[in-house]
Amino acid sequence: MIRFEIDQAGVFRATGEPLLAQFFMDEIQGDPDRLALYEDKAAAVAGGKSANWRATGNAHRVELTLAGATIEALHGTPPQRARLSLAEFRQSLAACREFLAQES
């Protein structure tokens, strides 16, 4: 389970599975437009409109397929990788969307 907050300094934070949380902090950054990009691409893959989607962001590489979502940290030794089902990834995006809606 992932949780979101705005800290006392006004910075968007995520806690939970470490690599997924770091992905949200580094790539989404509490920005609804960045979140929408991942929501749209995940929906396209889940709906069969796209076989897969790959992106390299600030600190992570993401690959979405029907088999799941792979998040890979671009920095660090050893390399870190997290694998989630596409449904789990979409649920985490939806949780972030819900949090951001409550904050606005």
N, C-alpha and C. Protein backbone atom coordinates (compact mmCIF):
# COMPACT_ATOMS: atom_id res chain seq x y z
N MET A 1 0.84 -1.18 0.00
CA MET A 1 0.00 0.00 0.00
C MET A 1 0.89 1.25 0.00
N ILE A 2 0.52 2.20 -0.80
CA ILE A 2 1.29 3.44 -0.87
C ILE A 2 0.46 4.56 -0.27
N ARG A 3 1.15 5.47 0.41
CA ARG A 3 0.49 6.61 1.02
C ARG A 3 1.17 7.89 0.56
N PHE A 4 0.39 8.95 0.51
CA PHE A 4 0.90 10.23 0.03
C PHE A 4 0.65 11.30 1.08
N GLU A 5 1.49 12.33 1.07
CA GLU A 5 1.31 13.46 1.96
C GLU A 5 2.05 14.66 1.39
N ILE A 6 1.69 15.82 1.91
CA ILE A 6 2.44 17.04 1.67
C ILE A 6 3.10 17.35 3.01
N ASP A 7 4.44 17.40 3.04
CA ASP A 7 5.11 17.61 4.32
C ASP A 7 5.03 19.07 4.76
N GLN A 8 5.61 19.36 5.91
CA GLN A 8 5.52 20.70 6.49
C GLN A 8 6.15 21.76 5.59
N ALA A 9 7.10 21.34 4.76
CA ALA A 9 7.74 22.29 3.83
C ALA A 9 6.96 22.42 2.53
N GLY A 10 5.83 21.70 2.42
CA GLY A 10 5.02 21.78 1.22
C GLY A 10 5.48 20.85 0.10
N VAL A 11 6.29 19.85 0.44
CA VAL A 11 6.84 18.93 -0.55
C VAL A 11 5.99 17.65 -0.60
N PHE A 12 5.67 17.22 -1.81
CA PHE A 12 4.92 15.98 -2.04
C PHE A 12 5.78 14.79 -1.63
N ARG A 13 5.23 13.90 -0.82
CA ARG A 13 5.96 12.73 -0.33
C ARG A 13 5.10 11.48 -0.53
N ALA A 14 5.78 10.36 -0.70
CA ALA A 14 5.11 9.06 -0.80
C ALA A 14 5.85 8.08 0.10
N THR A 15 5.09 7.19 0.73
CA THR A 15 5.68 6.14 1.55
C THR A 15 5.02 4.82 1.19
N GLY A 16 5.71 3.75 1.46
CA GLY A 16 5.21 2.41 1.15
C GLY A 16 6.35 1.64 0.52
N GLU A 17 6.04 0.85 -0.49
CA GLU A 17 7.09 0.10 -1.18
C GLU A 17 8.14 1.10 -1.64
N PRO A 18 9.41 0.95 -1.21
CA PRO A 18 10.40 2.02 -1.40
C PRO A 18 10.60 2.49 -2.85
N LEU A 19 10.74 1.59 -3.80
CA LEU A 19 11.00 2.04 -5.17
C LEU A 19 9.77 2.70 -5.78
N LEU A 20 8.60 2.16 -5.49
CA LEU A 20 7.37 2.77 -6.00
C LEU A 20 7.18 4.16 -5.39
N ALA A 21 7.43 4.28 -4.10
CA ALA A 21 7.32 5.59 -3.44
C ALA A 21 8.30 6.58 -4.05
N GLN A 22 9.52 6.15 -4.28
CA GLN A 22 10.52 7.03 -4.87
C GLN A 22 10.13 7.44 -6.29
N PHE A 23 9.54 6.51 -7.03
CA PHE A 23 9.04 6.81 -8.37
C PHE A 23 8.03 7.96 -8.31
N PHE A 24 7.08 7.88 -7.39
CA PHE A 24 6.08 8.94 -7.27
C PHE A 24 6.72 10.27 -6.91
N MET A 25 7.69 10.25 -6.02
CA MET A 25 8.32 11.50 -5.61
C MET A 25 9.19 12.09 -6.71
N ASP A 26 9.91 11.24 -7.45
CA ASP A 26 10.83 11.74 -8.48
C ASP A 26 10.15 12.03 -9.81
N GLU A 27 9.19 11.23 -10.18
CA GLU A 27 8.59 11.34 -11.52
C GLU A 27 7.25 12.08 -11.51
N ILE A 28 6.39 11.78 -10.57
CA ILE A 28 5.08 12.43 -10.53
C ILE A 28 5.17 13.78 -9.84
N GLN A 29 5.88 13.84 -8.74
CA GLN A 29 6.16 15.08 -8.01
C GLN A 29 4.90 15.85 -7.61
N GLY A 30 3.80 15.12 -7.42
CA GLY A 30 2.56 15.78 -7.02
C GLY A 30 1.92 16.60 -8.13
N ASP A 31 2.36 16.39 -9.37
CA ASP A 31 1.87 17.16 -10.52
C ASP A 31 0.76 16.39 -11.23
N PRO A 32 -0.48 16.91 -11.23
CA PRO A 32 -1.59 16.20 -11.87
C PRO A 32 -1.35 15.92 -13.36
N ASP A 33 -0.63 16.78 -14.06
CA ASP A 33 -0.37 16.55 -15.47
C ASP A 33 0.59 15.38 -15.69
N ARG A 34 1.61 15.29 -14.85
CA ARG A 34 2.53 14.14 -14.95
C ARG A 34 1.78 12.85 -14.62
N LEU A 35 0.94 12.92 -13.59
CA LEU A 35 0.15 11.75 -13.21
C LEU A 35 -0.76 11.33 -14.36
N ALA A 36 -1.38 12.29 -15.02
CA ALA A 36 -2.30 11.99 -16.12
C ALA A 36 -1.60 11.26 -17.26
N LEU A 37 -0.35 11.60 -17.53
CA LEU A 37 0.39 10.90 -18.58
C LEU A 37 0.47 9.41 -18.27
N TYR A 38 0.87 9.07 -17.05
CA TYR A 38 0.98 7.66 -16.67
C TYR A 38 -0.38 6.99 -16.62
N GLU A 39 -1.40 7.69 -16.15
CA GLU A 39 -2.76 7.13 -16.14
C GLU A 39 -3.22 6.81 -17.55
N ASP A 40 -3.00 7.74 -18.48
CA ASP A 40 -3.44 7.54 -19.87
C ASP A 40 -2.70 6.38 -20.52
N LYS A 41 -1.40 6.30 -20.32
CA LYS A 41 -0.61 5.23 -20.94
C LYS A 41 -0.96 3.87 -20.34
N ALA A 42 -1.17 3.82 -19.01
CA ALA A 42 -1.56 2.56 -18.38
C ALA A 42 -2.94 2.11 -18.85
N ALA A 43 -3.86 3.06 -19.02
CA ALA A 43 -5.19 2.73 -19.52
C ALA A 43 -5.13 2.22 -20.95
N ALA A 44 -4.27 2.82 -21.77
CA ALA A 44 -4.13 2.39 -23.16
C ALA A 44 -3.60 0.96 -23.24
N VAL A 45 -2.64 0.63 -22.40
CA VAL A 45 -2.10 -0.73 -22.39
C VAL A 45 -3.16 -1.70 -21.85
N ALA A 46 -3.80 -1.34 -20.74
CA ALA A 46 -4.81 -2.22 -20.15
C ALA A 46 -5.98 -2.45 -21.11
N GLY A 47 -6.33 -1.43 -21.89
CA GLY A 47 -7.45 -1.52 -22.82
C GLY A 47 -7.10 -2.12 -24.17
N GLY A 48 -5.83 -2.48 -24.36
CA GLY A 48 -5.41 -3.09 -25.61
C GLY A 48 -5.15 -2.11 -26.74
N LYS A 49 -5.20 -0.81 -26.46
CA LYS A 49 -4.92 0.18 -27.50
C LYS A 49 -3.43 0.29 -27.79
N SER A 50 -2.63 -0.15 -26.85
CA SER A 50 -1.18 -0.12 -27.00
C SER A 50 -0.62 -1.40 -26.39
N ALA A 51 0.31 -2.05 -27.07
CA ALA A 51 0.87 -3.30 -26.56
C ALA A 51 1.79 -3.06 -25.37
N ASN A 52 2.49 -1.94 -25.41
CA ASN A 52 3.37 -1.59 -24.30
C ASN A 52 3.69 -0.10 -24.37
N TRP A 53 4.33 0.38 -23.34
CA TRP A 53 4.77 1.77 -23.28
C TRP A 53 5.99 1.83 -22.40
N ARG A 54 6.98 2.58 -22.85
CA ARG A 54 8.22 2.76 -22.09
C ARG A 54 8.52 4.23 -21.98
N ALA A 55 9.08 4.61 -20.83
CA ALA A 55 9.50 6.00 -20.64
C ALA A 55 10.69 6.01 -19.69
N THR A 56 11.56 6.99 -19.92
CA THR A 56 12.67 7.24 -19.01
C THR A 56 12.47 8.63 -18.46
N GLY A 57 12.37 8.72 -17.14
CA GLY A 57 12.12 9.99 -16.49
C GLY A 57 13.36 10.54 -15.82
N ASN A 58 13.12 11.30 -14.76
CA ASN A 58 14.20 11.94 -14.02
C ASN A 58 15.14 10.93 -13.37
N ALA A 59 14.57 9.87 -12.81
CA ALA A 59 15.38 8.92 -12.05
C ALA A 59 14.95 7.48 -12.23
N HIS A 60 13.93 7.25 -13.07
CA HIS A 60 13.40 5.90 -13.24
C HIS A 60 13.04 5.63 -14.70
N ARG A 61 13.14 4.36 -15.04
CA ARG A 61 12.66 3.87 -16.33
C ARG A 61 11.42 3.04 -16.01
N VAL A 62 10.37 3.23 -16.80
CA VAL A 62 9.11 2.52 -16.58
C VAL A 62 8.73 1.80 -17.86
N GLU A 63 8.30 0.56 -17.71
CA GLU A 63 7.76 -0.18 -18.84
C GLU A 63 6.41 -0.75 -18.43
N LEU A 64 5.41 -0.50 -19.26
CA LEU A 64 4.06 -1.01 -19.02
C LEU A 64 3.71 -1.99 -20.11
N THR A 65 3.26 -3.18 -19.71
CA THR A 65 2.75 -4.20 -20.62
C THR A 65 1.53 -4.82 -19.95
N LEU A 66 0.81 -5.65 -20.68
CA LEU A 66 -0.31 -6.36 -20.06
C LEU A 66 0.16 -7.25 -18.92
N ALA A 67 1.41 -7.70 -19.00
CA ALA A 67 1.97 -8.56 -17.96
C ALA A 67 2.27 -7.79 -16.68
N GLY A 68 2.40 -6.46 -16.77
CA GLY A 68 2.66 -5.68 -15.57
C GLY A 68 3.45 -4.42 -15.82
N ALA A 69 3.80 -3.80 -14.72
CA ALA A 69 4.59 -2.56 -14.75
C ALA A 69 5.95 -2.86 -14.12
N THR A 70 6.99 -2.44 -14.80
CA THR A 70 8.34 -2.57 -14.26
C THR A 70 8.90 -1.17 -14.06
N ILE A 71 9.37 -0.91 -12.86
CA ILE A 71 9.99 0.37 -12.52
C ILE A 71 11.43 0.08 -12.16
N GLU A 72 12.34 0.76 -12.83
CA GLU A 72 13.77 0.53 -12.61
C GLU A 72 14.43 1.86 -12.26
N ALA A 73 15.17 1.87 -11.15
CA ALA A 73 15.92 3.07 -10.76
C ALA A 73 17.10 3.23 -11.71
N LEU A 74 17.32 4.44 -12.18
CA LEU A 74 18.43 4.70 -13.10
C LEU A 74 19.76 4.87 -12.37
N HIS A 75 19.70 5.12 -11.09
CA HIS A 75 20.92 5.35 -10.31
C HIS A 75 20.95 4.37 -9.15
N GLY A 76 22.14 4.07 -8.71
CA GLY A 76 22.29 3.20 -7.54
C GLY A 76 22.92 1.87 -7.90
N THR A 77 23.62 1.34 -6.94
CA THR A 77 24.27 0.05 -7.09
C THR A 77 23.93 -0.78 -5.87
N PRO A 78 23.39 -1.95 -6.04
CA PRO A 78 23.00 -2.57 -7.30
C PRO A 78 21.73 -1.91 -7.84
N PRO A 79 21.47 -2.08 -9.14
CA PRO A 79 20.26 -1.49 -9.72
C PRO A 79 19.02 -2.04 -9.02
N GLN A 80 18.05 -1.19 -8.80
CA GLN A 80 16.80 -1.61 -8.16
C GLN A 80 15.70 -1.68 -9.19
N ARG A 81 14.87 -2.70 -9.04
CA ARG A 81 13.76 -2.90 -9.96
C ARG A 81 12.56 -3.39 -9.16
N ALA A 82 11.40 -2.86 -9.48
CA ALA A 82 10.14 -3.31 -8.87
C ALA A 82 9.20 -3.75 -9.98
N ARG A 83 8.48 -4.80 -9.73
CA ARG A 83 7.52 -5.31 -10.70
C ARG A 83 6.16 -5.40 -10.01
N LEU A 84 5.16 -4.81 -10.65
CA LEU A 84 3.79 -4.84 -10.15
C LEU A 84 2.88 -5.31 -11.27
N SER A 85 1.72 -5.82 -10.90
CA SER A 85 0.74 -6.09 -11.94
C SER A 85 0.29 -4.74 -12.49
N LEU A 86 -0.23 -4.75 -13.70
CA LEU A 86 -0.73 -3.50 -14.28
C LEU A 86 -1.88 -2.95 -13.42
N ALA A 87 -2.70 -3.84 -12.88
CA ALA A 87 -3.80 -3.41 -12.01
C ALA A 87 -3.27 -2.72 -10.75
N GLU A 88 -2.22 -3.28 -10.15
CA GLU A 88 -1.63 -2.66 -8.95
C GLU A 88 -1.06 -1.29 -9.26
N PHE A 89 -0.39 -1.17 -10.41
CA PHE A 89 0.18 0.11 -10.80
C PHE A 89 -0.94 1.14 -11.00
N ARG A 90 -1.99 0.73 -11.68
CA ARG A 90 -3.11 1.63 -11.91
C ARG A 90 -3.80 2.02 -10.59
N GLN A 91 -3.87 1.10 -9.65
CA GLN A 91 -4.45 1.41 -8.34
C GLN A 91 -3.60 2.44 -7.61
N SER A 92 -2.28 2.33 -7.72
CA SER A 92 -1.42 3.31 -7.06
C SER A 92 -1.57 4.68 -7.72
N LEU A 93 -1.73 4.71 -9.04
CA LEU A 93 -1.98 5.98 -9.72
C LEU A 93 -3.31 6.58 -9.28
N ALA A 94 -4.33 5.73 -9.15
CA ALA A 94 -5.64 6.20 -8.72
C ALA A 94 -5.59 6.74 -7.28
N ALA A 95 -4.81 6.09 -6.43
CA ALA A 95 -4.66 6.56 -5.05
C ALA A 95 -4.00 7.93 -5.03
N CYS A 96 -3.02 8.12 -5.90
CA CYS A 96 -2.36 9.42 -5.99
C CYS A 96 -3.33 10.47 -6.50
N ARG A 97 -4.12 10.13 -7.50
CA ARG A 97 -5.12 11.06 -8.04
C ARG A 97 -6.11 11.47 -6.94
N GLU A 98 -6.56 10.50 -6.16
CA GLU A 98 -7.50 10.79 -5.08
C GLU A 98 -6.85 11.72 -4.05
N PHE A 99 -5.61 11.45 -3.70
CA PHE A 99 -4.91 12.31 -2.75
C PHE A 99 -4.78 13.74 -3.29
N LEU A 100 -4.37 13.87 -4.54
CA LEU A 100 -4.19 15.20 -5.11
C LEU A 100 -5.51 15.97 -5.19
N ALA A 101 -6.60 15.25 -5.47
CA ALA A 101 -7.92 15.89 -5.52
C ALA A 101 -8.32 16.42 -4.15
N GLN A 102 -7.98 15.69 -3.11
CA GLN A 102 -8.31 16.12 -1.75
C GLN A 102 -7.48 17.33 -1.34
N GLU A 103 -6.26 17.42 -1.88
CA GLU A 103 -5.35 18.50 -1.51
C GLU A 103 -5.65 19.81 -2.24
N SER A 104 -6.40 19.74 -3.33
CA SER A 104 -6.65 20.97 -4.10
C SER A 104 -7.92 21.68 -3.67
